[in-house]
Amino acid sequence: MTRITSEGFGKGCEKVIILAHGAGAPMDSPFMTMLAQSLAGEGIESLRFEFPYMAQRRADGRKRPPNRQPVLLDAFREQVAGVRAELGDGCEVWIGGKSMGGRMASILASESPELVSGVVCFGYPFHPPGKPDKWRTEHFASLSPPTAIIQGSRDPFGKQLEVQARAPLPGNIRLCWLEGGDHDFRPLARQPQTQPDLIVQAARYAGEFMLQASG
């Protein structure tokens, strides 16, 4: 299994998003599966893929750390090129992902903006948990495509109060907050919403943003 596509993925798609997984969970994790299904409910087709280290883990069952950033970016670039060749020029190609996958999408878009229509990050790792001094946003200044970051308000990789206390993000980057959500969009126990509810809300935010960005 090298990729997973939504049911409507293929020729004739108006827009598609290529989704990369986070550092520790594969492309068919419950989160990624629910996200892809929720995006499809918003009319957004998707393709999920795995970085080389995760594909090796699937093959032999041995856990590995993520590849170095250049390898991750090359793997992402290869997926973008393949989707563009497969679907043609009439389809908007967006990129994004969960946590590390979303960060790699944003870095790729900052380096090669001509490759993509925009970026959607789900649970962006603004900093390692407990290390708010190690901010991972240096490339945002050169990130020109429309970008949405959909974040749980209590995500330990970047809580709402922490992010809002920093300098404002560039105007092309929109922050969408999921009240009470953690890094996996799990809400507080006292909230009426469930994790699937917040994932559906995240997909709705993504769909609205992508529609607006398309003009």
Protein backbone atom coordinates (compact mmCIF):
# COMPACT_ATOMS: atom_id res chain seq x y z
CA MET A 1 0.00 0.00 0.00
CA THR A 2 1.79 3.13 -1.22
CA ARG A 3 -1.11 5.57 -1.13
CA ILE A 4 -4.77 5.89 -0.20
CA THR A 5 -7.12 7.99 -2.31
CA SER A 6 -10.66 9.15 -1.62
CA GLU A 7 -13.47 7.60 -3.62
CA GLY A 8 -13.86 10.57 -5.97
CA PHE A 9 -10.14 11.04 -6.62
CA GLY A 10 -9.29 11.00 -10.31
CA LYS A 11 -9.73 12.79 -13.61
CA GLY A 12 -12.29 15.54 -13.38
CA CYS A 13 -11.43 16.58 -9.80
CA GLU A 14 -11.65 20.33 -9.32
CA LYS A 15 -9.36 20.28 -6.30
CA VAL A 16 -7.44 17.69 -4.35
CA ILE A 17 -5.30 17.80 -1.24
CA ILE A 18 -2.23 15.62 -0.74
CA LEU A 19 -2.06 14.72 2.95
CA ALA A 20 1.10 13.72 4.81
CA HIS A 21 1.03 11.95 8.17
CA GLY A 22 2.64 13.03 11.43
CA ALA A 23 5.90 11.72 12.86
CA GLY A 24 4.52 8.72 14.73
CA ALA A 25 1.34 7.52 13.01
CA PRO A 26 0.87 6.17 9.46
CA MET A 27 -1.38 7.38 6.65
CA ASP A 28 -4.17 4.98 7.68
CA SER A 29 -4.27 5.99 11.35
CA PRO A 30 -7.76 6.63 12.75
CA PHE A 31 -7.12 10.39 12.70
CA MET A 32 -5.98 10.46 9.08
CA THR A 33 -8.85 8.21 8.02
CA MET A 34 -11.46 10.35 9.76
CA LEU A 35 -9.89 13.50 8.33
CA ALA A 36 -9.95 12.20 4.75
CA GLN A 37 -13.56 11.06 5.14
CA SER A 38 -14.58 14.44 6.58
CA LEU A 39 -12.82 16.31 3.78
CA ALA A 40 -14.67 14.16 1.24
CA GLY A 41 -17.88 15.25 2.95
CA GLU A 42 -16.87 18.83 2.12
CA GLY A 43 -16.28 17.91 -1.52
CA ILE A 44 -12.50 17.75 -1.22
CA GLU A 45 -10.80 14.68 -2.65
CA SER A 46 -7.56 13.54 -1.07
CA LEU A 47 -4.49 11.41 -1.49
CA ARG A 48 -2.60 10.11 1.53
CA PHE A 49 0.95 8.84 1.27
CA GLU A 50 3.77 7.75 3.55
CA PHE A 51 7.27 9.10 3.93
CA PRO A 52 10.07 6.56 3.33
CA TYR A 53 10.70 5.76 7.01
CA MET A 54 7.03 5.00 7.61
CA ALA A 55 6.80 2.87 4.47
CA GLN A 56 9.79 0.86 5.76
CA ARG A 57 8.08 0.48 9.11
CA ARG A 58 4.99 -0.86 7.35
CA ALA A 59 7.16 -3.35 5.45
CA ASP A 60 9.13 -4.79 8.37
CA GLY A 61 7.30 -3.64 11.51
CA ARG A 62 10.33 -1.85 12.96
CA LYS A 63 9.85 1.66 14.31
CA ARG A 64 12.17 4.30 12.93
CA PRO A 65 12.63 8.03 13.43
CA PRO A 66 11.55 10.31 10.60
CA ASN A 67 13.89 10.81 7.67
CA ARG A 68 15.90 14.01 7.48
CA GLN A 69 14.04 17.02 6.14
CA PRO A 70 15.48 16.93 2.58
CA VAL A 71 14.30 13.32 2.19
CA LEU A 72 10.83 14.19 3.48
CA LEU A 73 10.56 17.15 1.12
CA ASP A 74 11.74 15.11 -1.87
CA ALA A 75 9.09 12.47 -1.10
CA PHE A 76 6.42 15.18 -0.90
CA ARG A 77 7.63 16.75 -4.17
CA GLU A 78 7.40 13.37 -5.87
CA GLN A 79 3.78 13.00 -4.78
CA VAL A 80 2.88 16.48 -6.05
CA ALA A 81 4.48 15.77 -9.42
CA GLY A 82 2.67 12.45 -9.68
CA VAL A 83 -0.73 13.93 -8.86
CA ARG A 84 -0.23 16.79 -11.32
CA ALA A 85 0.68 14.34 -14.07
CA GLU A 86 -2.26 12.08 -13.20
CA LEU A 87 -5.00 14.71 -12.86
CA GLY A 88 -3.86 17.37 -15.32
CA ASP A 89 -3.79 21.15 -15.22
CA GLY A 90 -7.51 21.58 -14.57
CA CYS A 91 -7.23 20.36 -10.97
CA GLU A 92 -6.09 22.54 -8.08
CA VAL A 93 -3.44 20.69 -6.10
CA TRP A 94 -3.24 21.57 -2.42
CA ILE A 95 -0.88 20.04 0.12
CA GLY A 96 -1.10 19.62 3.86
CA GLY A 97 -1.01 17.13 6.64
CA LYS A 98 -1.00 16.31 10.30
CA SER A 99 1.65 17.86 12.56
CA MET A 100 5.05 17.12 10.96
CA GLY A 101 3.33 16.39 7.65
CA GLY A 102 1.71 19.82 7.68
CA ARG A 103 5.01 21.45 8.55
CA MET A 104 6.73 19.73 5.63
CA ALA A 105 3.89 20.88 3.37
CA SER A 106 4.39 24.48 4.45
CA ILE A 107 8.16 24.29 3.97
CA LEU A 108 7.73 22.78 0.50
CA ALA A 109 5.27 25.53 -0.43
CA SER A 110 7.68 28.19 0.84
CA GLU A 111 10.49 26.74 -1.31
CA SER A 112 8.43 25.92 -4.42
CA PRO A 113 5.21 27.99 -4.35
CA GLU A 114 4.57 27.36 -8.03
CA LEU A 115 3.88 23.67 -7.31
CA VAL A 116 0.73 24.12 -5.22
CA SER A 117 -2.50 26.10 -4.95
CA GLY A 118 -2.29 26.31 -1.17
CA VAL A 119 -1.58 24.59 2.14
CA VAL A 120 -3.71 23.29 5.00
CA CYS A 121 -1.99 22.23 8.23
CA PHE A 122 -3.87 20.20 10.84
CA GLY A 123 -2.23 20.57 14.25
CA TYR A 124 0.86 22.57 13.30
CA PRO A 125 3.92 21.88 15.52
CA PHE A 126 4.78 25.48 16.35
CA HIS A 127 7.27 24.24 18.95
CA PRO A 128 8.17 20.99 20.73
CA PRO A 129 5.95 20.38 23.78
CA GLY A 130 7.30 22.26 26.79
CA LYS A 131 9.78 24.26 24.66
CA PRO A 132 7.93 27.41 23.55
CA ASP A 133 11.27 29.14 22.92
CA LYS A 134 12.01 26.81 19.97
CA TRP A 135 9.58 28.27 17.42
CA ARG A 136 9.31 26.56 14.01
CA THR A 137 7.95 29.37 11.87
CA GLU A 138 11.05 30.88 10.26
CA HIS A 139 9.88 29.92 6.78
CA PHE A 140 6.48 31.57 7.17
CA ALA A 141 7.91 34.85 5.88
CA SER A 142 8.53 33.23 2.48
CA LEU A 143 5.35 31.13 2.47
CA SER A 144 3.34 32.86 -0.26
CA PRO A 145 0.50 30.42 -1.18
CA PRO A 146 -2.76 30.68 0.79
CA THR A 147 -2.29 28.71 4.01
CA ALA A 148 -4.67 27.60 6.75
CA ILE A 149 -3.52 26.29 10.11
CA ILE A 150 -6.27 24.44 11.96
CA GLN A 151 -5.24 24.04 15.58
CA GLY A 152 -6.67 22.75 18.84
CA SER A 153 -6.77 25.58 21.37
CA ARG A 154 -4.87 23.49 23.96
CA ASP A 155 -2.41 21.80 21.58
CA PRO A 156 0.89 21.35 23.51
CA PHE A 157 2.72 22.02 20.23
CA GLY A 158 1.18 25.52 20.15
CA LYS A 159 -1.64 26.60 22.43
CA GLN A 160 -3.94 29.43 21.39
CA LEU A 161 -2.63 31.83 24.03
CA GLU A 162 0.99 31.08 23.09
CA VAL A 163 0.43 31.61 19.38
CA GLN A 164 -1.61 34.77 19.85
CA ALA A 165 1.10 36.23 22.10
CA ARG A 166 3.63 36.05 19.25
CA ALA A 167 3.95 38.55 16.43
CA PRO A 168 1.05 38.34 13.95
CA LEU A 169 1.39 35.77 11.19
CA PRO A 170 1.65 36.91 7.55
CA GLY A 171 -1.65 37.94 6.01
CA ASN A 172 -1.90 34.90 3.73
CA ILE A 173 -1.90 32.53 6.73
CA ARG A 174 -5.22 31.97 8.48
CA LEU A 175 -5.46 30.43 11.94
CA CYS A 176 -8.61 28.45 12.72
CA TRP A 177 -9.05 27.36 16.34
CA LEU A 178 -10.85 24.26 17.58
CA GLU A 179 -12.04 25.10 21.08
CA GLY A 180 -10.70 22.65 23.66
CA GLY A 181 -8.94 20.46 21.12
CA ASP A 182 -5.52 18.91 21.77
CA HIS A 183 -2.93 17.90 19.17
CA ASP A 184 -5.22 15.13 17.90
CA PHE A 185 -8.33 17.35 18.15
CA ARG A 186 -9.57 15.50 21.23
CA PRO A 187 -11.78 17.86 23.27
CA LEU A 188 -12.01 18.20 27.02
CA ALA A 189 -14.16 15.56 28.73
CA ARG A 190 -16.67 18.20 29.82
CA GLN A 191 -17.26 19.41 26.27
CA PRO A 192 -20.31 18.18 24.38
CA GLN A 193 -18.21 17.65 21.24
CA THR A 194 -16.28 14.48 20.47
CA GLN A 195 -13.01 14.06 18.58
CA PRO A 196 -14.90 13.16 15.37
CA ASP A 197 -16.95 16.34 15.82
CA LEU A 198 -13.80 18.47 15.93
CA ILE A 199 -12.31 16.65 12.93
CA VAL A 200 -15.50 17.38 10.97
CA GLN A 201 -15.23 21.02 12.07
CA ALA A 202 -11.59 21.09 10.92
CA ALA A 203 -12.60 19.71 7.51
CA ARG A 204 -15.31 22.36 7.27
CA TYR A 205 -12.78 25.10 8.02
CA ALA A 206 -10.48 23.63 5.36
CA GLY A 207 -13.24 23.45 2.76
CA GLU A 208 -14.34 27.03 3.38
CA PHE A 209 -10.77 28.29 3.20
CA MET A 210 -9.97 26.42 0.00
CA LEU A 211 -13.16 27.69 -1.64
CA GLN A 212 -12.42 31.29 -0.69
CA ALA A 213 -8.80 31.02 -1.80
CA SER A 214 -9.91 29.70 -5.19
CA GLY A 215 -11.88 32.91 -5.72
